[in-house]
């Protein structure tokens, strides 16, 4: 019999109750992909690992709010990791930080995070987006990558 995997959202609810093993499971599931994403912005592996650790510390401290919002844990982690990596990259380059419209970064992050049930609908669109982006001239693709991964 195959055991049913616990959803990331169920693990988040346990993290909100300060269950360290649930945080560890989320880390095991999501950290490798987040590290790859962050390393697109920060080629220094040590700096990238620090950003991923910071993201999971934010998850630990904000788990109750994130859980109450009903946001997709995976989407929240990706958005938060990208924002943290871009902020760190901009600081390394001595560029001014992006101005925040809201003082609470967690609230800002949650406002745009998809709900778990809508993630499935978006999966099909991801392949289409990849195809469309690959049709762009190289210079335009590079500009999009710079905007997304480096915060320009």
N, C-alpha and C. Protein backbone atom coordinates (compact mmCIF):
# COMPACT_ATOMS: atom_id res chain seq x y z
N UNK A 1 0.85 -1.18 0.00
CA UNK A 1 0.00 0.00 0.00
C UNK A 1 0.89 1.24 0.00
N UNK A 2 0.55 2.18 -0.84
CA UNK A 2 1.31 3.42 -0.94
C UNK A 2 0.74 4.43 0.05
N UNK A 3 1.63 4.97 0.87
CA UNK A 3 1.19 5.97 1.85
C UNK A 3 0.90 7.29 1.12
N UNK A 4 -0.17 7.92 1.49
CA UNK A 4 -0.52 9.20 0.90
C UNK A 4 0.38 10.29 1.48
N UNK A 5 0.96 11.08 0.59
CA UNK A 5 1.87 12.13 1.03
C UNK A 5 1.07 13.29 1.64
N UNK A 6 1.55 13.77 2.75
CA UNK A 6 0.92 14.92 3.41
C UNK A 6 1.17 16.15 2.56
N UNK A 7 0.15 16.97 2.36
CA UNK A 7 0.31 18.18 1.55
C UNK A 7 1.19 19.19 2.28
N UNK A 8 1.79 20.05 1.50
CA UNK A 8 2.60 21.12 2.10
C UNK A 8 1.74 22.02 2.97
N UNK A 9 0.49 22.21 2.58
CA UNK A 9 -0.40 23.07 3.36
C UNK A 9 -0.71 22.44 4.72
N UNK A 10 -0.86 21.10 4.76
CA UNK A 10 -1.08 20.40 6.04
C UNK A 10 0.18 20.50 6.91
N UNK A 11 1.33 20.40 6.28
CA UNK A 11 2.58 20.56 7.04
C UNK A 11 2.70 21.98 7.58
N UNK A 12 2.27 22.96 6.79
CA UNK A 12 2.32 24.35 7.26
C UNK A 12 1.46 24.54 8.50
N UNK A 13 0.31 23.92 8.52
CA UNK A 13 -0.55 24.00 9.71
C UNK A 13 0.18 23.45 10.93
N UNK A 14 0.94 22.39 10.72
CA UNK A 14 1.73 21.83 11.84
C UNK A 14 2.88 22.76 12.22
N UNK A 15 3.48 23.41 11.23
CA UNK A 15 4.54 24.38 11.52
C UNK A 15 3.98 25.53 12.35
N UNK A 16 2.76 25.95 12.03
CA UNK A 16 2.11 27.02 12.79
C UNK A 16 1.95 26.64 14.26
N UNK A 17 1.87 25.34 14.53
CA UNK A 17 1.78 24.84 15.91
C UNK A 17 3.18 24.50 16.45
N UNK A 18 4.22 25.02 15.79
CA UNK A 18 5.63 24.86 16.20
C UNK A 18 6.12 23.42 16.14
N UNK A 19 5.71 22.69 15.12
CA UNK A 19 6.18 21.32 14.88
C UNK A 19 7.44 21.40 14.01
N UNK A 20 8.59 21.19 14.65
CA UNK A 20 9.86 21.30 13.94
C UNK A 20 10.02 20.22 12.87
N UNK A 21 9.46 19.04 13.10
CA UNK A 21 9.60 17.97 12.10
C UNK A 21 8.83 18.33 10.82
N UNK A 22 7.72 19.04 10.95
CA UNK A 22 6.96 19.49 9.78
C UNK A 22 7.77 20.52 8.99
N UNK A 23 8.46 21.41 9.69
CA UNK A 23 9.34 22.37 9.02
C UNK A 23 10.45 21.63 8.29
N UNK A 24 11.00 20.62 8.93
CA UNK A 24 12.05 19.82 8.30
C UNK A 24 11.56 19.13 7.04
N UNK A 25 10.35 18.63 7.06
CA UNK A 25 9.77 17.99 5.87
C UNK A 25 9.57 19.01 4.75
N UNK A 26 9.08 20.18 5.10
CA UNK A 26 8.92 21.24 4.08
C UNK A 26 10.28 21.63 3.50
N UNK A 27 11.28 21.71 4.36
CA UNK A 27 12.62 22.04 3.90
C UNK A 27 13.13 20.98 2.93
N UNK A 28 12.96 19.72 3.29
CA UNK A 28 13.40 18.61 2.44
C UNK A 28 12.72 18.67 1.07
N UNK A 29 11.45 18.98 1.06
CA UNK A 29 10.68 19.04 -0.19
C UNK A 29 11.05 20.23 -1.06
N UNK A 30 11.20 21.38 -0.45
CA UNK A 30 11.27 22.61 -1.23
C UNK A 30 12.65 23.26 -1.33
N UNK A 31 13.55 23.00 -0.40
CA UNK A 31 14.84 23.70 -0.38
C UNK A 31 15.68 23.46 -1.64
N UNK A 32 15.76 22.25 -2.16
CA UNK A 32 16.60 22.07 -3.36
C UNK A 32 16.14 22.94 -4.55
N UNK A 33 14.86 22.98 -4.80
CA UNK A 33 14.35 23.81 -5.89
C UNK A 33 14.54 25.29 -5.63
N UNK A 34 14.34 25.69 -4.38
CA UNK A 34 14.54 27.10 -4.02
C UNK A 34 16.01 27.49 -4.17
N UNK A 35 16.90 26.59 -3.80
CA UNK A 35 18.33 26.88 -3.93
C UNK A 35 18.68 27.11 -5.41
N UNK A 36 18.14 26.27 -6.29
CA UNK A 36 18.38 26.45 -7.71
C UNK A 36 17.87 27.79 -8.21
N UNK A 37 16.68 28.17 -7.76
CA UNK A 37 16.10 29.46 -8.14
C UNK A 37 16.96 30.61 -7.63
N UNK A 38 17.34 30.56 -6.38
CA UNK A 38 18.11 31.64 -5.76
C UNK A 38 19.49 31.75 -6.41
N UNK A 39 20.07 30.63 -6.79
CA UNK A 39 21.39 30.67 -7.41
C UNK A 39 21.37 31.31 -8.80
N UNK A 40 20.19 31.45 -9.39
CA UNK A 40 20.09 32.20 -10.65
C UNK A 40 20.34 33.68 -10.39
N UNK A 41 20.01 34.14 -9.19
CA UNK A 41 20.22 35.54 -8.83
C UNK A 41 21.55 35.74 -8.10
N UNK A 42 21.91 34.77 -7.29
CA UNK A 42 23.13 34.85 -6.48
C UNK A 42 24.02 33.66 -6.79
N UNK A 43 24.99 33.82 -7.66
CA UNK A 43 25.81 32.68 -8.04
C UNK A 43 26.67 32.11 -6.89
N UNK A 44 26.89 32.89 -5.83
CA UNK A 44 27.65 32.41 -4.68
C UNK A 44 26.78 31.45 -3.88
N UNK A 45 27.17 30.19 -3.83
CA UNK A 45 26.35 29.16 -3.19
C UNK A 45 26.10 29.46 -1.71
N UNK A 46 27.11 29.95 -1.01
CA UNK A 46 26.94 30.26 0.42
C UNK A 46 25.87 31.33 0.60
N UNK A 47 25.92 32.38 -0.19
CA UNK A 47 24.92 33.44 -0.11
C UNK A 47 23.54 32.89 -0.45
N UNK A 48 23.46 32.04 -1.46
CA UNK A 48 22.17 31.46 -1.86
C UNK A 48 21.61 30.58 -0.74
N UNK A 49 22.46 29.79 -0.11
CA UNK A 49 22.01 28.95 1.00
C UNK A 49 21.51 29.80 2.17
N UNK A 50 22.19 30.92 2.43
CA UNK A 50 21.74 31.82 3.50
C UNK A 50 20.36 32.38 3.20
N UNK A 51 20.11 32.72 1.94
CA UNK A 51 18.79 33.24 1.56
C UNK A 51 17.73 32.17 1.77
N UNK A 52 18.01 30.94 1.37
CA UNK A 52 17.04 29.86 1.55
C UNK A 52 16.76 29.64 3.03
N UNK A 53 17.79 29.66 3.86
CA UNK A 53 17.59 29.53 5.31
C UNK A 53 16.73 30.67 5.84
N UNK A 54 16.99 31.88 5.37
CA UNK A 54 16.20 33.04 5.79
C UNK A 54 14.72 32.86 5.42
N UNK A 55 14.47 32.33 4.24
CA UNK A 55 13.10 32.11 3.79
C UNK A 55 12.39 31.12 4.73
N UNK A 56 13.09 30.07 5.11
CA UNK A 56 12.46 29.10 6.01
C UNK A 56 12.30 29.65 7.43
N UNK A 57 13.17 30.56 7.85
CA UNK A 57 12.97 31.23 9.14
C UNK A 57 11.72 32.11 9.07
N UNK A 58 11.52 32.78 7.93
CA UNK A 58 10.30 33.59 7.75
C UNK A 58 9.06 32.70 7.75
N UNK A 59 9.18 31.53 7.13
CA UNK A 59 8.06 30.59 7.12
C UNK A 59 7.73 30.16 8.54
N UNK A 60 8.75 29.86 9.33
CA UNK A 60 8.54 29.44 10.72
C UNK A 60 7.83 30.52 11.51
N UNK A 61 8.30 31.76 11.37
CA UNK A 61 7.71 32.84 12.17
C UNK A 61 6.37 33.31 11.63
N UNK A 62 6.11 33.12 10.36
CA UNK A 62 4.85 33.59 9.77
C UNK A 62 3.87 32.49 9.41
N UNK A 63 4.15 31.27 9.85
CA UNK A 63 3.33 30.11 9.44
C UNK A 63 1.85 30.28 9.75
N UNK A 64 1.54 30.82 10.90
CA UNK A 64 0.12 30.96 11.27
C UNK A 64 -0.59 31.88 10.28
N UNK A 65 0.02 33.02 9.97
CA UNK A 65 -0.61 33.96 9.04
C UNK A 65 -0.71 33.39 7.63
N UNK A 66 0.36 32.74 7.19
CA UNK A 66 0.36 32.15 5.86
C UNK A 66 -0.72 31.09 5.76
N UNK A 67 -0.82 30.26 6.78
CA UNK A 67 -1.83 29.20 6.82
C UNK A 67 -3.24 29.77 6.81
N UNK A 68 -3.46 30.82 7.58
CA UNK A 68 -4.79 31.44 7.64
C UNK A 68 -5.19 32.05 6.30
N UNK A 69 -4.22 32.53 5.54
CA UNK A 69 -4.50 33.11 4.23
C UNK A 69 -4.88 32.05 3.21
N UNK A 70 -4.54 30.80 3.48
CA UNK A 70 -4.86 29.72 2.55
C UNK A 70 -4.00 29.72 1.30
N UNK A 71 -2.84 30.34 1.37
CA UNK A 71 -1.95 30.44 0.21
C UNK A 71 -1.24 29.11 -0.04
N UNK A 72 -0.84 28.90 -1.28
CA UNK A 72 -0.01 27.75 -1.63
C UNK A 72 1.35 27.93 -0.98
N UNK A 73 1.78 26.93 -0.24
CA UNK A 73 3.08 27.01 0.44
C UNK A 73 4.20 27.10 -0.59
N UNK A 74 4.13 26.27 -1.62
CA UNK A 74 5.16 26.29 -2.65
C UNK A 74 5.27 27.64 -3.34
N UNK A 75 4.13 28.21 -3.68
CA UNK A 75 4.14 29.52 -4.34
C UNK A 75 4.68 30.59 -3.40
N UNK A 76 4.29 30.55 -2.13
CA UNK A 76 4.79 31.53 -1.16
C UNK A 76 6.30 31.41 -1.03
N UNK A 77 6.80 30.19 -0.95
CA UNK A 77 8.24 29.99 -0.81
C UNK A 77 8.99 30.53 -2.02
N UNK A 78 8.48 30.26 -3.21
CA UNK A 78 9.15 30.73 -4.43
C UNK A 78 9.16 32.25 -4.48
N UNK A 79 8.02 32.87 -4.24
CA UNK A 79 7.95 34.33 -4.29
C UNK A 79 8.83 34.98 -3.23
N UNK A 80 8.82 34.42 -2.05
CA UNK A 80 9.63 34.97 -0.96
C UNK A 80 11.12 34.78 -1.23
N UNK A 81 11.49 33.61 -1.74
CA UNK A 81 12.91 33.35 -2.05
C UNK A 81 13.39 34.27 -3.16
N UNK A 82 12.57 34.46 -4.18
CA UNK A 82 12.96 35.34 -5.28
C UNK A 82 13.15 36.76 -4.78
N UNK A 83 12.20 37.24 -3.98
CA UNK A 83 12.29 38.61 -3.46
C UNK A 83 13.52 38.78 -2.57
N UNK A 84 13.80 37.79 -1.73
CA UNK A 84 14.97 37.88 -0.85
C UNK A 84 16.27 37.83 -1.65
N UNK A 85 16.30 37.00 -2.68
CA UNK A 85 17.51 36.91 -3.51
C UNK A 85 17.74 38.20 -4.27
N UNK A 86 16.69 38.76 -4.82
CA UNK A 86 16.82 40.02 -5.56
C UNK A 86 17.26 41.14 -4.62
N UNK A 87 16.68 41.19 -3.43
CA UNK A 87 17.07 42.22 -2.46
C UNK A 87 18.56 42.08 -2.09
N UNK A 88 18.98 40.86 -1.89
CA UNK A 88 20.40 40.64 -1.55
C UNK A 88 21.30 41.03 -2.72
N UNK A 89 20.90 40.65 -3.92
CA UNK A 89 21.69 40.98 -5.11
C UNK A 89 21.80 42.49 -5.29
N UNK A 90 20.68 43.18 -5.11
CA UNK A 90 20.68 44.63 -5.25
C UNK A 90 21.58 45.26 -4.17
N UNK A 91 21.56 44.71 -2.97
CA UNK A 91 22.42 45.24 -1.90
C UNK A 91 23.89 45.00 -2.25
N UNK A 92 24.21 43.83 -2.79
CA UNK A 92 25.60 43.54 -3.18
C UNK A 92 26.08 44.50 -4.26
N UNK A 93 25.17 44.87 -5.17
CA UNK A 93 25.52 45.78 -6.26
C UNK A 93 25.40 47.24 -5.85
N UNK A 94 25.03 47.46 -4.58
CA UNK A 94 24.84 48.80 -4.03
C UNK A 94 23.77 49.58 -4.80
N UNK A 95 22.73 48.86 -5.22
CA UNK A 95 21.58 49.49 -5.86
C UNK A 95 20.55 49.79 -4.78
N UNK A 96 19.74 50.83 -4.98
CA UNK A 96 18.72 51.11 -3.97
C UNK A 96 17.69 49.98 -3.91
N UNK A 97 17.19 49.69 -2.73
CA UNK A 97 16.16 48.64 -2.63
C UNK A 97 14.89 49.10 -3.32
N UNK A 98 14.10 48.10 -3.73
CA UNK A 98 12.79 48.44 -4.29
C UNK A 98 11.94 49.05 -3.19
N UNK A 99 11.19 50.07 -3.54
CA UNK A 99 10.32 50.70 -2.54
C UNK A 99 9.11 49.82 -2.32
N UNK A 100 8.75 49.68 -1.06
CA UNK A 100 7.58 48.85 -0.71
C UNK A 100 6.35 49.74 -0.58
N UNK A 101 5.27 49.23 -1.13
CA UNK A 101 4.01 49.95 -1.01
C UNK A 101 3.38 49.70 0.35
N UNK A 102 3.61 48.51 0.90
CA UNK A 102 3.07 48.15 2.21
C UNK A 102 4.25 47.91 3.15
N UNK A 103 4.12 48.30 4.41
CA UNK A 103 5.24 48.13 5.33
C UNK A 103 5.51 46.67 5.72
N UNK A 104 4.52 45.78 5.59
CA UNK A 104 4.67 44.40 6.02
C UNK A 104 4.97 43.51 4.82
N UNK A 105 6.23 43.00 4.67
CA UNK A 105 6.56 42.18 3.50
C UNK A 105 5.77 40.88 3.46
N UNK A 106 5.41 40.31 4.62
CA UNK A 106 4.63 39.08 4.62
C UNK A 106 3.25 39.32 4.03
N UNK A 107 2.63 40.42 4.42
CA UNK A 107 1.32 40.76 3.88
C UNK A 107 1.39 40.97 2.37
N UNK A 108 2.44 41.65 1.93
CA UNK A 108 2.63 41.87 0.50
C UNK A 108 2.81 40.55 -0.22
N UNK A 109 3.61 39.66 0.35
CA UNK A 109 3.86 38.37 -0.28
C UNK A 109 2.59 37.54 -0.38
N UNK A 110 1.77 37.58 0.65
CA UNK A 110 0.55 36.78 0.65
C UNK A 110 -0.50 37.29 -0.32
N UNK A 111 -0.48 38.57 -0.62
CA UNK A 111 -1.53 39.14 -1.46
C UNK A 111 -1.51 38.60 -2.88
N UNK A 112 -0.36 38.18 -3.35
CA UNK A 112 -0.27 37.70 -4.72
C UNK A 112 -0.07 36.21 -4.85
N UNK A 113 -0.14 35.47 -3.75
CA UNK A 113 0.13 34.04 -3.80
C UNK A 113 -1.15 33.28 -4.16
N UNK A 114 -1.00 32.39 -5.11
CA UNK A 114 -2.13 31.59 -5.56
C UNK A 114 -2.57 30.61 -4.48
N UNK A 115 -3.82 30.26 -4.54
CA UNK A 115 -4.37 29.24 -3.65
C UNK A 115 -3.97 27.87 -4.21
N UNK A 116 -3.84 26.87 -3.35
CA UNK A 116 -3.42 25.54 -3.82
C UNK A 116 -4.30 25.00 -4.95
N UNK A 117 -5.60 25.22 -4.87
CA UNK A 117 -6.49 24.67 -5.89
C UNK A 117 -6.32 25.32 -7.26
N UNK A 118 -5.78 26.53 -7.31
CA UNK A 118 -5.58 27.18 -8.60
C UNK A 118 -4.21 26.88 -9.21
N UNK A 119 -3.32 26.28 -8.43
CA UNK A 119 -1.99 25.94 -8.93
C UNK A 119 -2.11 24.93 -10.06
N UNK A 120 -2.98 23.93 -9.93
CA UNK A 120 -3.14 22.93 -10.98
C UNK A 120 -3.52 23.57 -12.31
N UNK A 121 -4.38 24.57 -12.26
CA UNK A 121 -4.80 25.25 -13.48
C UNK A 121 -3.63 25.97 -14.13
N UNK A 122 -2.73 26.47 -13.30
CA UNK A 122 -1.58 27.22 -13.83
C UNK A 122 -0.50 26.33 -14.40
N UNK A 123 -0.44 25.06 -13.98
CA UNK A 123 0.61 24.16 -14.45
C UNK A 123 0.61 24.06 -15.97
N UNK A 124 -0.55 23.94 -16.59
CA UNK A 124 -0.63 23.85 -18.04
C UNK A 124 -0.15 25.12 -18.72
N UNK A 125 -0.36 26.23 -18.08
CA UNK A 125 0.07 27.51 -18.64
C UNK A 125 1.58 27.68 -18.59
N UNK A 126 2.23 27.00 -17.67
CA UNK A 126 3.69 27.12 -17.54
C UNK A 126 4.38 26.67 -18.82
N UNK A 127 3.95 25.53 -19.37
CA UNK A 127 4.56 25.04 -20.61
C UNK A 127 4.33 26.01 -21.76
N UNK A 128 3.13 26.57 -21.82
CA UNK A 128 2.83 27.55 -22.87
C UNK A 128 3.72 28.79 -22.70
N UNK A 129 3.87 29.25 -21.48
CA UNK A 129 4.73 30.42 -21.22
C UNK A 129 6.17 30.15 -21.65
N UNK A 130 6.67 28.95 -21.33
CA UNK A 130 8.04 28.60 -21.74
C UNK A 130 8.18 28.67 -23.26
N UNK A 131 7.20 28.13 -23.97
CA UNK A 131 7.26 28.15 -25.44
C UNK A 131 7.24 29.57 -25.97
N UNK A 132 6.40 30.41 -25.39
CA UNK A 132 6.30 31.80 -25.84
C UNK A 132 7.61 32.54 -25.57
N UNK A 133 8.16 32.35 -24.38
CA UNK A 133 9.40 33.03 -24.03
C UNK A 133 10.54 32.58 -24.94
N UNK A 134 10.58 31.30 -25.27
CA UNK A 134 11.64 30.79 -26.15
C UNK A 134 11.53 31.35 -27.57
N UNK A 135 10.37 31.84 -27.95
CA UNK A 135 10.19 32.44 -29.27
C UNK A 135 10.67 33.89 -29.32
N UNK A 136 10.90 34.47 -28.17
CA UNK A 136 11.40 35.85 -28.14
C UNK A 136 12.84 35.91 -28.63
N UNK A 137 13.23 37.03 -29.20
CA UNK A 137 14.65 37.21 -29.54
C UNK A 137 15.50 37.09 -28.28
N UNK A 138 16.74 36.64 -28.45
CA UNK A 138 17.63 36.40 -27.31
C UNK A 138 17.75 37.62 -26.40
N UNK A 139 17.87 38.80 -26.98
CA UNK A 139 18.03 40.01 -26.16
C UNK A 139 16.81 40.24 -25.27
N UNK A 140 15.63 40.00 -25.79
CA UNK A 140 14.42 40.19 -24.99
C UNK A 140 14.32 39.13 -23.88
N UNK A 141 14.71 37.89 -24.19
CA UNK A 141 14.71 36.84 -23.15
C UNK A 141 15.68 37.21 -22.03
N UNK A 142 16.85 37.73 -22.40
CA UNK A 142 17.83 38.11 -21.39
C UNK A 142 17.32 39.23 -20.51
N UNK A 143 16.60 40.18 -21.08
CA UNK A 143 16.03 41.27 -20.30
C UNK A 143 15.00 40.73 -19.31
N UNK A 144 14.16 39.81 -19.77
CA UNK A 144 13.17 39.20 -18.86
C UNK A 144 13.86 38.46 -17.72
N UNK A 145 14.91 37.72 -18.04
CA UNK A 145 15.64 37.00 -17.00
C UNK A 145 16.29 37.96 -16.01
N UNK A 146 16.86 39.05 -16.52
CA UNK A 146 17.46 40.05 -15.63
C UNK A 146 16.39 40.66 -14.71
N UNK A 147 15.24 40.94 -15.26
CA UNK A 147 14.17 41.53 -14.45
C UNK A 147 13.69 40.56 -13.38
N UNK A 148 13.54 39.30 -13.74
CA UNK A 148 13.02 38.33 -12.79
C UNK A 148 14.06 37.90 -11.78
N UNK A 149 15.25 37.54 -12.25
CA UNK A 149 16.24 36.96 -11.36
C UNK A 149 17.15 37.96 -10.68
N UNK A 150 17.32 39.15 -11.27
CA UNK A 150 18.24 40.11 -10.70
C UNK A 150 17.57 41.39 -10.25
N UNK A 151 16.30 41.53 -10.51
CA UNK A 151 15.56 42.66 -9.98
C UNK A 151 15.74 43.97 -10.73
N UNK A 152 16.16 43.92 -11.98
CA UNK A 152 16.33 45.15 -12.75
C UNK A 152 15.01 45.62 -13.29
